[in-house]
Structure formats: structure tokens, C-alpha cells
Protein backbone atom coordinates (compact mmCIF):
# COMPACT_ATOMS: atom_id res chain seq x y z
CA UNK A 1 -0.03 -0.04 0.35
CA UNK A 2 1.47 3.53 -0.87
CA UNK A 3 0.22 6.62 0.82
CA UNK A 4 0.24 10.05 0.08
CA UNK A 5 0.58 13.42 2.41
CA UNK A 6 -2.23 16.16 1.56
CA UNK A 7 -3.34 19.32 3.45
CA UNK A 8 -6.41 20.02 4.50
CA UNK A 9 -8.36 23.13 2.55
CA UNK A 10 -10.15 24.15 5.97
CA UNK A 11 -7.92 23.74 8.98
CA UNK A 12 -4.18 23.70 6.68
CA UNK A 13 -2.95 20.59 8.85
CA UNK A 14 -1.03 17.71 6.81
CA UNK A 15 -2.59 14.19 6.99
CA UNK A 16 -2.33 10.90 5.07
CA UNK A 17 -4.26 8.69 3.20
CA UNK A 18 -3.78 5.67 0.90
CA UNK A 19 -3.08 6.78 -3.20
CA UNK A 20 -5.79 5.16 -4.01
CA UNK A 21 -7.93 7.30 -1.89
CA UNK A 22 -6.48 10.52 -2.70
CA UNK A 23 -8.74 12.20 -4.77
CA UNK A 24 -11.82 11.67 -2.83
CA UNK A 25 -10.13 12.65 0.69
CA UNK A 26 -9.99 15.97 0.56
CA UNK A 27 -10.61 17.16 4.40
CA UNK A 28 -8.82 15.61 7.11
CA UNK A 29 -11.66 15.27 9.63
CA UNK A 30 -15.61 15.33 9.64
CA UNK A 31 -15.46 18.35 11.73
CA UNK A 32 -13.40 20.40 8.52
CA UNK A 33 -15.80 18.57 6.07
CA UNK A 34 -18.99 20.06 8.25
CA UNK A 35 -17.25 23.16 8.63
CA UNK A 36 -16.67 23.61 4.70
CA UNK A 37 -20.15 22.57 4.17
CA UNK A 38 -21.29 25.41 6.24
CA UNK A 39 -19.49 28.16 4.72
CA UNK A 40 -21.03 26.79 1.38
CA UNK A 41 -24.50 27.15 2.56
CA UNK A 42 -23.76 30.54 4.54
CA UNK A 43 -22.52 31.93 0.67
CA UNK A 44 -25.44 30.41 -1.32
CA UNK A 45 -28.07 32.17 1.04
CA UNK A 46 -26.60 35.63 1.57
CA UNK A 47 -27.61 38.09 -0.77
CA UNK A 48 -25.52 39.07 -3.48
CA UNK A 49 -24.30 42.49 -3.84
CA UNK A 50 -24.72 42.55 -7.56
CA UNK A 51 -28.68 41.99 -7.41
């Protein structure tokens, strides 16, 4: 089995995943994933300045 190191876009921590899961593993923890989903949903519900 080969492993790769990745950097979590939410918190900046480095984490290790199987090479075969490299494309699917984006966040280091479920907490980081949920926080990013909250940010995305806040951006979609906030009013646009260009309207």
C-alpha cells in the first residue's frame, strides 16, 4: 500500500491517505468537512451585492 500526504483546505493540517483514495479525501476530519459545508451554504443564502 502506498500513502500520500495532503493538506486540508479548511484547517491547513497535513494528513496521510491511501494513494487510491487521494482524489476522494479532501478534508482531514469530518469537522473540517462540516465546517466547509456550512460556509458553502452561508454563501448560497447570503444576498448578492450585484443584484
